[in-house]
mmCIF file of all heavy atoms, coordinates in Angstrom:
data_MODEL
# 
_entry.id   MODEL 
# 
loop_
_atom_site.group_PDB 
_atom_site.id 
_atom_site.type_symbol 
_atom_site.label_atom_id 
_atom_site.label_alt_id 
_atom_site.label_comp_id 
_atom_site.label_asym_id 
_atom_site.label_entity_id 
_atom_site.label_seq_id 
_atom_site.pdbx_PDB_ins_code 
_atom_site.Cartn_x 
_atom_site.Cartn_y 
_atom_site.Cartn_z 
_atom_site.occupancy 
_atom_site.B_iso_or_equiv 
_atom_site.pdbx_formal_charge 
_atom_site.auth_seq_id 
_atom_site.auth_comp_id 
_atom_site.auth_asym_id 
_atom_site.auth_atom_id 
_atom_site.pdbx_PDB_model_num 
ATOM 1   N N   . VAL A 1 1  ? 101.142 121.826 91.020  1.00 0.00 ? 1  VAL A N   1 
ATOM 2   C CA  . VAL A 1 1  ? 102.525 121.333 91.407  1.00 0.00 ? 1  VAL A CA  1 
ATOM 3   C C   . VAL A 1 1  ? 102.334 120.065 92.267  1.00 0.00 ? 1  VAL A C   1 
ATOM 4   O O   . VAL A 1 1  ? 102.980 119.039 91.956  1.00 0.00 ? 1  VAL A O   1 
ATOM 5   C CB  . VAL A 1 1  ? 103.296 122.443 92.160  1.00 0.00 ? 1  VAL A CB  1 
ATOM 6   C CG1 . VAL A 1 1  ? 104.688 121.881 92.657  1.00 0.00 ? 1  VAL A CG1 1 
ATOM 7   C CG2 . VAL A 1 1  ? 103.533 123.625 91.270  1.00 0.00 ? 1  VAL A CG2 1 
ATOM 8   N N   . ALA A 1 2  ? 101.583 120.122 93.251  1.00 0.00 ? 2  ALA A N   1 
ATOM 9   C CA  . ALA A 1 2  ? 101.424 118.987 94.253  1.00 0.00 ? 2  ALA A CA  1 
ATOM 10  C C   . ALA A 1 2  ? 100.065 119.179 94.974  1.00 0.00 ? 2  ALA A C   1 
ATOM 11  O O   . ALA A 1 2  ? 99.707  120.262 95.211  1.00 0.00 ? 2  ALA A O   1 
ATOM 12  C CB  . ALA A 1 2  ? 102.606 118.926 95.164  1.00 0.00 ? 2  ALA A CB  1 
ATOM 13  N N   . ILE A 1 3  ? 99.698  117.966 95.421  1.00 0.00 ? 3  ILE A N   1 
ATOM 14  C CA  . ILE A 1 3  ? 98.417  118.019 96.160  1.00 0.00 ? 3  ILE A CA  1 
ATOM 15  C C   . ILE A 1 3  ? 98.553  116.945 97.306  1.00 0.00 ? 3  ILE A C   1 
ATOM 16  O O   . ILE A 1 3  ? 99.188  115.963 97.146  1.00 0.00 ? 3  ILE A O   1 
ATOM 17  C CB  . ILE A 1 3  ? 97.192  117.611 95.231  1.00 0.00 ? 3  ILE A CB  1 
ATOM 18  C CG1 . ILE A 1 3  ? 95.935  117.713 96.024  1.00 0.00 ? 3  ILE A CG1 1 
ATOM 19  C CG2 . ILE A 1 3  ? 97.448  116.285 94.611  1.00 0.00 ? 3  ILE A CG2 1 
ATOM 20  C CD1 . ILE A 1 3  ? 94.707  117.587 95.156  1.00 0.00 ? 3  ILE A CD1 1 
ATOM 21  N N   . SER A 1 4  ? 97.849  117.296 98.405  1.00 0.00 ? 4  SER A N   1 
ATOM 22  C CA  . SER A 1 4  ? 97.839  116.435 99.545  1.00 0.00 ? 4  SER A CA  1 
ATOM 23  C C   . SER A 1 4  ? 96.386  116.162 99.986  1.00 0.00 ? 4  SER A C   1 
ATOM 24  O O   . SER A 1 4  ? 95.626  117.138 100.205 1.00 0.00 ? 4  SER A O   1 
ATOM 25  C CB  . SER A 1 4  ? 98.567  116.958 100.720 1.00 0.00 ? 4  SER A CB  1 
ATOM 26  O OG  . SER A 1 4  ? 98.455  116.201 101.892 1.00 0.00 ? 4  SER A OG  1 
ATOM 27  N N   . ILE A 1 5  ? 95.951  114.923 99.889  1.00 0.00 ? 5  ILE A N   1 
ATOM 28  C CA  . ILE A 1 5  ? 94.629  114.557 100.405 1.00 0.00 ? 5  ILE A CA  1 
ATOM 29  C C   . ILE A 1 5  ? 94.838  113.539 101.539 1.00 0.00 ? 5  ILE A C   1 
ATOM 30  O O   . ILE A 1 5  ? 95.140  112.441 101.337 1.00 0.00 ? 5  ILE A O   1 
ATOM 31  C CB  . ILE A 1 5  ? 93.835  113.906 99.302  1.00 0.00 ? 5  ILE A CB  1 
ATOM 32  C CG1 . ILE A 1 5  ? 93.745  114.819 98.057  1.00 0.00 ? 5  ILE A CG1 1 
ATOM 33  C CG2 . ILE A 1 5  ? 92.413  113.522 99.732  1.00 0.00 ? 5  ILE A CG2 1 
ATOM 34  C CD1 . ILE A 1 5  ? 93.088  114.206 96.842  1.00 0.00 ? 5  ILE A CD1 1 
ATOM 35  N N   . SER A 1 6  ? 94.461  113.980 102.707 1.00 0.00 ? 6  SER A N   1 
ATOM 36  C CA  . SER A 1 6  ? 94.610  113.185 103.961 1.00 0.00 ? 6  SER A CA  1 
ATOM 37  C C   . SER A 1 6  ? 96.179  112.761 104.028 1.00 0.00 ? 6  SER A C   1 
ATOM 38  O O   . SER A 1 6  ? 97.024  113.652 104.087 1.00 0.00 ? 6  SER A O   1 
ATOM 39  C CB  . SER A 1 6  ? 93.701  111.960 103.965 1.00 0.00 ? 6  SER A CB  1 
ATOM 40  O OG  . SER A 1 6  ? 92.374  112.375 103.943 1.00 0.00 ? 6  SER A OG  1 
ATOM 41  N N   . ASN A 1 7  ? 96.465  111.539 104.062 1.00 0.00 ? 7  ASN A N   1 
ATOM 42  C CA  . ASN A 1 7  ? 97.744  111.051 104.061 1.00 0.00 ? 7  ASN A CA  1 
ATOM 43  C C   . ASN A 1 7  ? 98.350  110.663 102.721 1.00 0.00 ? 7  ASN A C   1 
ATOM 44  O O   . ASN A 1 7  ? 99.473  110.130 102.656 1.00 0.00 ? 7  ASN A O   1 
ATOM 45  C CB  . ASN A 1 7  ? 97.862  109.831 105.027 1.00 0.00 ? 7  ASN A CB  1 
ATOM 46  C CG  . ASN A 1 7  ? 97.586  110.127 106.468 1.00 0.00 ? 7  ASN A CG  1 
ATOM 47  O OD1 . ASN A 1 7  ? 97.932  111.250 106.964 1.00 0.00 ? 7  ASN A OD1 1 
ATOM 48  N ND2 . ASN A 1 7  ? 96.824  109.273 107.083 1.00 0.00 ? 7  ASN A ND2 1 
ATOM 49  N N   . SER A 1 8  ? 97.666  111.026 101.704 1.00 0.00 ? 8  SER A N   1 
ATOM 50  C CA  . SER A 1 8  ? 98.065  110.694 100.321 1.00 0.00 ? 8  SER A CA  1 
ATOM 51  C C   . SER A 1 8  ? 98.659  111.895 99.675  1.00 0.00 ? 8  SER A C   1 
ATOM 52  O O   . SER A 1 8  ? 98.035  113.028 99.786  1.00 0.00 ? 8  SER A O   1 
ATOM 53  C CB  . SER A 1 8  ? 96.946  110.089 99.467  1.00 0.00 ? 8  SER A CB  1 
ATOM 54  O OG  . SER A 1 8  ? 97.414  109.756 98.147  1.00 0.00 ? 8  SER A OG  1 
ATOM 55  N N   . THR A 1 9  ? 99.718  111.793 98.865  1.00 0.00 ? 9  THR A N   1 
ATOM 56  C CA  . THR A 1 9  ? 100.228 112.957 98.182  1.00 0.00 ? 9  THR A CA  1 
ATOM 57  C C   . THR A 1 9  ? 100.447 112.627 96.680  1.00 0.00 ? 9  THR A C   1 
ATOM 58  O O   . THR A 1 9  ? 100.641 111.382 96.302  1.00 0.00 ? 9  THR A O   1 
ATOM 59  C CB  . THR A 1 9  ? 101.600 113.426 98.809  1.00 0.00 ? 9  THR A CB  1 
ATOM 60  O OG1 . THR A 1 9  ? 102.499 112.372 98.789  1.00 0.00 ? 9  THR A OG1 1 
ATOM 61  C CG2 . THR A 1 9  ? 101.356 113.763 100.322 1.00 0.00 ? 9  THR A CG2 1 
ATOM 62  N N   . ASN A 1 10 ? 100.582 113.679 95.863  1.00 0.00 ? 10 ASN A N   1 
ATOM 63  C CA  . ASN A 1 10 ? 100.902 113.450 94.426  1.00 0.00 ? 10 ASN A CA  1 
ATOM 64  C C   . ASN A 1 10 ? 101.622 114.678 93.977  1.00 0.00 ? 10 ASN A C   1 
ATOM 65  O O   . ASN A 1 10 ? 101.302 115.837 94.224  1.00 0.00 ? 10 ASN A O   1 
ATOM 66  C CB  . ASN A 1 10 ? 99.539  113.301 93.749  1.00 0.00 ? 10 ASN A CB  1 
ATOM 67  C CG  . ASN A 1 10 ? 99.847  112.915 92.237  1.00 0.00 ? 10 ASN A CG  1 
ATOM 68  O OD1 . ASN A 1 10 ? 100.772 112.112 92.018  1.00 0.00 ? 10 ASN A OD1 1 
ATOM 69  N ND2 . ASN A 1 10 ? 98.910  113.378 91.336  1.00 0.00 ? 10 ASN A ND2 1 
ATOM 70  N N   . ASP A 1 11 ? 102.630 114.436 93.194  1.00 0.00 ? 11 ASP A N   1 
ATOM 71  C CA  . ASP A 1 11 ? 103.473 115.478 92.621  1.00 0.00 ? 11 ASP A CA  1 
ATOM 72  C C   . ASP A 1 11 ? 103.402 115.487 91.147  1.00 0.00 ? 11 ASP A C   1 
ATOM 73  O O   . ASP A 1 11 ? 103.192 114.418 90.528  1.00 0.00 ? 11 ASP A O   1 
ATOM 74  C CB  . ASP A 1 11 ? 104.898 115.295 93.060  1.00 0.00 ? 11 ASP A CB  1 
ATOM 75  C CG  . ASP A 1 11 ? 105.090 115.196 94.556  1.00 0.00 ? 11 ASP A CG  1 
ATOM 76  O OD1 . ASP A 1 11 ? 104.500 115.904 95.292  1.00 0.00 ? 11 ASP A OD1 1 
ATOM 77  O OD2 . ASP A 1 11 ? 106.037 114.443 94.966  1.00 0.00 ? 11 ASP A OD2 1 
ATOM 78  N N   . ALA A 1 12 ? 103.430 116.706 90.569  1.00 0.00 ? 12 ALA A N   1 
ATOM 79  C CA  . ALA A 1 12 ? 103.545 116.742 89.142  1.00 0.00 ? 12 ALA A CA  1 
ATOM 80  C C   . ALA A 1 12 ? 104.829 116.187 88.561  1.00 0.00 ? 12 ALA A C   1 
ATOM 81  O O   . ALA A 1 12 ? 105.846 116.154 89.254  1.00 0.00 ? 12 ALA A O   1 
ATOM 82  C CB  . ALA A 1 12 ? 103.416 118.246 88.623  1.00 0.00 ? 12 ALA A CB  1 
ATOM 83  N N   . ASP A 1 13 ? 104.857 115.733 87.338  1.00 0.00 ? 13 ASP A N   1 
ATOM 84  C CA  . ASP A 1 13 ? 105.937 115.028 86.725  1.00 0.00 ? 13 ASP A CA  1 
ATOM 85  C C   . ASP A 1 13 ? 107.149 115.988 86.630  1.00 0.00 ? 13 ASP A C   1 
ATOM 86  O O   . ASP A 1 13 ? 108.247 115.646 86.741  1.00 0.00 ? 13 ASP A O   1 
ATOM 87  C CB  . ASP A 1 13 ? 105.565 114.496 85.331  1.00 0.00 ? 13 ASP A CB  1 
ATOM 88  C CG  . ASP A 1 13 ? 104.663 113.287 85.432  1.00 0.00 ? 13 ASP A CG  1 
ATOM 89  O OD1 . ASP A 1 13 ? 104.569 112.681 86.461  1.00 0.00 ? 13 ASP A OD1 1 
ATOM 90  O OD2 . ASP A 1 13 ? 104.041 113.036 84.443  1.00 0.00 ? 13 ASP A OD2 1 
ATOM 91  N N   . SER A 1 14 ? 106.863 117.259 86.439  1.00 0.00 ? 14 SER A N   1 
ATOM 92  C CA  . SER A 1 14 ? 107.906 118.299 86.262  1.00 0.00 ? 14 SER A CA  1 
ATOM 93  C C   . SER A 1 14 ? 108.715 118.569 87.511  1.00 0.00 ? 14 SER A C   1 
ATOM 94  O O   . SER A 1 14 ? 109.811 119.025 87.464  1.00 0.00 ? 14 SER A O   1 
ATOM 95  C CB  . SER A 1 14 ? 107.339 119.608 85.882  1.00 0.00 ? 14 SER A CB  1 
ATOM 96  O OG  . SER A 1 14 ? 106.418 120.125 86.745  1.00 0.00 ? 14 SER A OG  1 
ATOM 97  N N   . VAL A 1 15 ? 108.210 118.120 88.606  1.00 0.00 ? 15 VAL A N   1 
ATOM 98  C CA  . VAL A 1 15 ? 108.958 118.347 89.922  1.00 0.00 ? 15 VAL A CA  1 
ATOM 99  C C   . VAL A 1 15 ? 109.263 117.048 90.636  1.00 0.00 ? 15 VAL A C   1 
ATOM 100 O O   . VAL A 1 15 ? 109.809 117.067 91.694  1.00 0.00 ? 15 VAL A O   1 
ATOM 101 C CB  . VAL A 1 15 ? 108.200 119.254 90.894  1.00 0.00 ? 15 VAL A CB  1 
ATOM 102 C CG1 . VAL A 1 15 ? 107.790 120.623 90.165  1.00 0.00 ? 15 VAL A CG1 1 
ATOM 103 C CG2 . VAL A 1 15 ? 106.854 118.639 91.365  1.00 0.00 ? 15 VAL A CG2 1 
ATOM 104 N N   . LYS A 1 16 ? 108.909 115.914 90.013  1.00 0.00 ? 16 LYS A N   1 
ATOM 105 C CA  . LYS A 1 16 ? 109.089 114.594 90.632  1.00 0.00 ? 16 LYS A CA  1 
ATOM 106 C C   . LYS A 1 16 ? 110.519 114.382 90.990  1.00 0.00 ? 16 LYS A C   1 
ATOM 107 O O   . LYS A 1 16 ? 111.487 114.626 90.225  1.00 0.00 ? 16 LYS A O   1 
ATOM 108 C CB  . LYS A 1 16 ? 108.493 113.527 89.781  1.00 0.00 ? 16 LYS A CB  1 
ATOM 109 C CG  . LYS A 1 16 ? 108.229 112.274 90.412  1.00 0.00 ? 16 LYS A CG  1 
ATOM 110 C CD  . LYS A 1 16 ? 106.749 112.224 90.718  1.00 0.00 ? 16 LYS A CD  1 
ATOM 111 C CE  . LYS A 1 16 ? 106.318 110.881 91.323  1.00 0.00 ? 16 LYS A CE  1 
ATOM 112 N NZ  . LYS A 1 16 ? 104.849 110.917 91.654  1.00 0.00 ? 16 LYS A NZ  1 
ATOM 113 N N   . GLY A 1 17 ? 110.831 114.003 92.247  1.00 0.00 ? 17 GLY A N   1 
ATOM 114 C CA  . GLY A 1 17 ? 112.184 113.673 92.716  1.00 0.00 ? 17 GLY A CA  1 
ATOM 115 C C   . GLY A 1 17 ? 112.770 114.896 93.220  1.00 0.00 ? 17 GLY A C   1 
ATOM 116 O O   . GLY A 1 17 ? 113.878 114.803 93.843  1.00 0.00 ? 17 GLY A O   1 
ATOM 117 N N   . ARG A 1 18 ? 112.259 116.071 93.150  1.00 0.00 ? 18 ARG A N   1 
ATOM 118 C CA  . ARG A 1 18 ? 112.851 117.309 93.632  1.00 0.00 ? 18 ARG A CA  1 
ATOM 119 C C   . ARG A 1 18 ? 112.018 118.005 94.632  1.00 0.00 ? 18 ARG A C   1 
ATOM 120 O O   . ARG A 1 18 ? 112.548 118.529 95.653  1.00 0.00 ? 18 ARG A O   1 
ATOM 121 C CB  . ARG A 1 18 ? 113.162 118.288 92.462  1.00 0.00 ? 18 ARG A CB  1 
ATOM 122 C CG  . ARG A 1 18 ? 114.069 117.804 91.405  1.00 0.00 ? 18 ARG A CG  1 
ATOM 123 C CD  . ARG A 1 18 ? 114.469 118.860 90.485  1.00 0.00 ? 18 ARG A CD  1 
ATOM 124 N NE  . ARG A 1 18 ? 113.297 119.395 89.682  1.00 0.00 ? 18 ARG A NE  1 
ATOM 125 C CZ  . ARG A 1 18 ? 112.893 120.606 89.701  1.00 0.00 ? 18 ARG A CZ  1 
ATOM 126 N NH1 . ARG A 1 18 ? 113.520 121.582 90.490  1.00 0.00 ? 18 ARG A NH1 1 
ATOM 127 N NH2 . ARG A 1 18 ? 111.790 121.059 88.996  1.00 0.00 ? 18 ARG A NH2 1 
ATOM 128 N N   . PHE A 1 19 ? 110.772 118.049 94.438  1.00 0.00 ? 19 PHE A N   1 
ATOM 129 C CA  . PHE A 1 19 ? 109.845 118.622 95.405  1.00 0.00 ? 19 PHE A CA  1 
ATOM 130 C C   . PHE A 1 19 ? 109.083 117.590 96.230  1.00 0.00 ? 19 PHE A C   1 
ATOM 131 O O   . PHE A 1 19 ? 108.759 116.503 95.767  1.00 0.00 ? 19 PHE A O   1 
ATOM 132 C CB  . PHE A 1 19 ? 108.732 119.544 94.620  1.00 0.00 ? 19 PHE A CB  1 
ATOM 133 C CG  . PHE A 1 19 ? 109.286 120.664 93.992  1.00 0.00 ? 19 PHE A CG  1 
ATOM 134 C CD1 . PHE A 1 19 ? 110.657 120.955 93.835  1.00 0.00 ? 19 PHE A CD1 1 
ATOM 135 C CD2 . PHE A 1 19 ? 108.446 121.633 93.441  1.00 0.00 ? 19 PHE A CD2 1 
ATOM 136 C CE1 . PHE A 1 19 ? 111.152 122.023 93.181  1.00 0.00 ? 19 PHE A CE1 1 
ATOM 137 C CE2 . PHE A 1 19 ? 108.874 122.759 92.753  1.00 0.00 ? 19 PHE A CE2 1 
ATOM 138 C CZ  . PHE A 1 19 ? 110.174 122.977 92.693  1.00 0.00 ? 19 PHE A CZ  1 
ATOM 139 N N   . THR A 1 20 ? 108.860 117.885 97.475  1.00 0.00 ? 20 THR A N   1 
ATOM 140 C CA  . THR A 1 20 ? 108.000 117.057 98.362  1.00 0.00 ? 20 THR A CA  1 
ATOM 141 C C   . THR A 1 20 ? 106.956 117.854 99.091  1.00 0.00 ? 20 THR A C   1 
ATOM 142 O O   . THR A 1 20 ? 107.358 118.831 99.700  1.00 0.00 ? 20 THR A O   1 
ATOM 143 C CB  . THR A 1 20 ? 109.045 116.420 99.385  1.00 0.00 ? 20 THR A CB  1 
ATOM 144 O OG1 . THR A 1 20 ? 110.070 115.681 98.693  1.00 0.00 ? 20 THR A OG1 1 
ATOM 145 C CG2 . THR A 1 20 ? 108.275 115.478 100.264 1.00 0.00 ? 20 THR A CG2 1 
ATOM 146 N N   . ILE A 1 21 ? 105.805 117.406 98.999  1.00 0.00 ? 21 ILE A N   1 
ATOM 147 C CA  . ILE A 1 21 ? 104.668 118.039 99.691  1.00 0.00 ? 21 ILE A CA  1 
ATOM 148 C C   . ILE A 1 21 ? 104.447 117.246 101.006 1.00 0.00 ? 21 ILE A C   1 
ATOM 149 O O   . ILE A 1 21 ? 104.484 116.034 101.049 1.00 0.00 ? 21 ILE A O   1 
ATOM 150 C CB  . ILE A 1 21 ? 103.448 118.151 98.786  1.00 0.00 ? 21 ILE A CB  1 
ATOM 151 C CG1 . ILE A 1 21 ? 102.354 118.983 99.530  1.00 0.00 ? 21 ILE A CG1 1 
ATOM 152 C CG2 . ILE A 1 21 ? 102.883 116.782 98.495  1.00 0.00 ? 21 ILE A CG2 1 
ATOM 153 C CD1 . ILE A 1 21 ? 101.148 119.251 98.625  1.00 0.00 ? 21 ILE A CD1 1 
ATOM 154 N N   . SER A 1 22 ? 104.149 117.954 101.992 1.00 0.00 ? 22 SER A N   1 
ATOM 155 C CA  . SER A 1 22 ? 103.766 117.373 103.327 1.00 0.00 ? 22 SER A CA  1 
ATOM 156 C C   . SER A 1 22 ? 102.784 118.238 103.985 1.00 0.00 ? 22 SER A C   1 
ATOM 157 O O   . SER A 1 22 ? 102.478 119.351 103.624 1.00 0.00 ? 22 SER A O   1 
ATOM 158 C CB  . SER A 1 22 ? 105.042 117.204 104.265 1.00 0.00 ? 22 SER A CB  1 
ATOM 159 O OG  . SER A 1 22 ? 105.602 118.484 104.515 1.00 0.00 ? 22 SER A OG  1 
ATOM 160 N N   . ARG A 1 23 ? 102.177 117.675 105.085 1.00 0.00 ? 23 ARG A N   1 
ATOM 161 C CA  . ARG A 1 23 ? 101.000 118.368 105.651 1.00 0.00 ? 23 ARG A CA  1 
ATOM 162 C C   . ARG A 1 23 ? 100.986 118.027 107.168 1.00 0.00 ? 23 ARG A C   1 
ATOM 163 O O   . ARG A 1 23 ? 101.209 116.937 107.643 1.00 0.00 ? 23 ARG A O   1 
ATOM 164 C CB  . ARG A 1 23 ? 99.793  117.736 104.970 1.00 0.00 ? 23 ARG A CB  1 
ATOM 165 C CG  . ARG A 1 23 ? 98.402  118.371 105.480 1.00 0.00 ? 23 ARG A CG  1 
ATOM 166 C CD  . ARG A 1 23 ? 97.344  117.865 104.503 1.00 0.00 ? 23 ARG A CD  1 
ATOM 167 N NE  . ARG A 1 23 ? 95.937  118.173 105.036 1.00 0.00 ? 23 ARG A NE  1 
ATOM 168 C CZ  . ARG A 1 23 ? 94.900  117.830 104.359 1.00 0.00 ? 23 ARG A CZ  1 
ATOM 169 N NH1 . ARG A 1 23 ? 94.957  117.304 103.159 1.00 0.00 ? 23 ARG A NH1 1 
ATOM 170 N NH2 . ARG A 1 23 ? 93.680  118.134 104.967 1.00 0.00 ? 23 ARG A NH2 1 
ATOM 171 N N   . ASP A 1 24 ? 100.640 119.055 107.899 1.00 0.00 ? 24 ASP A N   1 
ATOM 172 C CA  . ASP A 1 24 ? 100.505 118.968 109.328 1.00 0.00 ? 24 ASP A CA  1 
ATOM 173 C C   . ASP A 1 24 ? 99.014  119.255 109.697 1.00 0.00 ? 24 ASP A C   1 
ATOM 174 O O   . ASP A 1 24 ? 98.660  120.450 109.678 1.00 0.00 ? 24 ASP A O   1 
ATOM 175 C CB  . ASP A 1 24 ? 101.378 119.832 110.143 1.00 0.00 ? 24 ASP A CB  1 
ATOM 176 C CG  . ASP A 1 24 ? 101.320 119.639 111.627 1.00 0.00 ? 24 ASP A CG  1 
ATOM 177 O OD1 . ASP A 1 24 ? 100.214 119.119 112.163 1.00 0.00 ? 24 ASP A OD1 1 
ATOM 178 O OD2 . ASP A 1 24 ? 102.335 119.952 112.277 1.00 0.00 ? 24 ASP A OD2 1 
ATOM 179 N N   . ASN A 1 25 ? 98.139  118.238 109.768 1.00 0.00 ? 25 ASN A N   1 
ATOM 180 C CA  . ASN A 1 25 ? 96.749  118.457 109.945 1.00 0.00 ? 25 ASN A CA  1 
ATOM 181 C C   . ASN A 1 25 ? 96.388  119.133 111.256 1.00 0.00 ? 25 ASN A C   1 
ATOM 182 O O   . ASN A 1 25 ? 95.424  119.936 111.292 1.00 0.00 ? 25 ASN A O   1 
ATOM 183 C CB  . ASN A 1 25 ? 96.055  117.018 109.950 1.00 0.00 ? 25 ASN A CB  1 
ATOM 184 C CG  . ASN A 1 25 ? 96.016  116.435 108.536 1.00 0.00 ? 25 ASN A CG  1 
ATOM 185 O OD1 . ASN A 1 25 ? 96.001  117.136 107.483 1.00 0.00 ? 25 ASN A OD1 1 
ATOM 186 N ND2 . ASN A 1 25 ? 96.202  115.095 108.563 1.00 0.00 ? 25 ASN A ND2 1 
ATOM 187 N N   . ALA A 1 26 ? 97.186  118.924 112.312 1.00 0.00 ? 26 ALA A N   1 
ATOM 188 C CA  . ALA A 1 26 ? 96.988  119.545 113.640 1.00 0.00 ? 26 ALA A CA  1 
ATOM 189 C C   . ALA A 1 26 ? 97.104  121.165 113.427 1.00 0.00 ? 26 ALA A C   1 
ATOM 190 O O   . ALA A 1 26 ? 96.408  121.856 114.149 1.00 0.00 ? 26 ALA A O   1 
ATOM 191 C CB  . ALA A 1 26 ? 97.760  119.077 114.643 1.00 0.00 ? 26 ALA A CB  1 
# 
């Protein structure tokens, strides 16, 4: 569905514009 690498993110085309991945490294 989605992946987060450090400060970079990527979403699958099927969820683009609807889903948002985020990350709290702390």
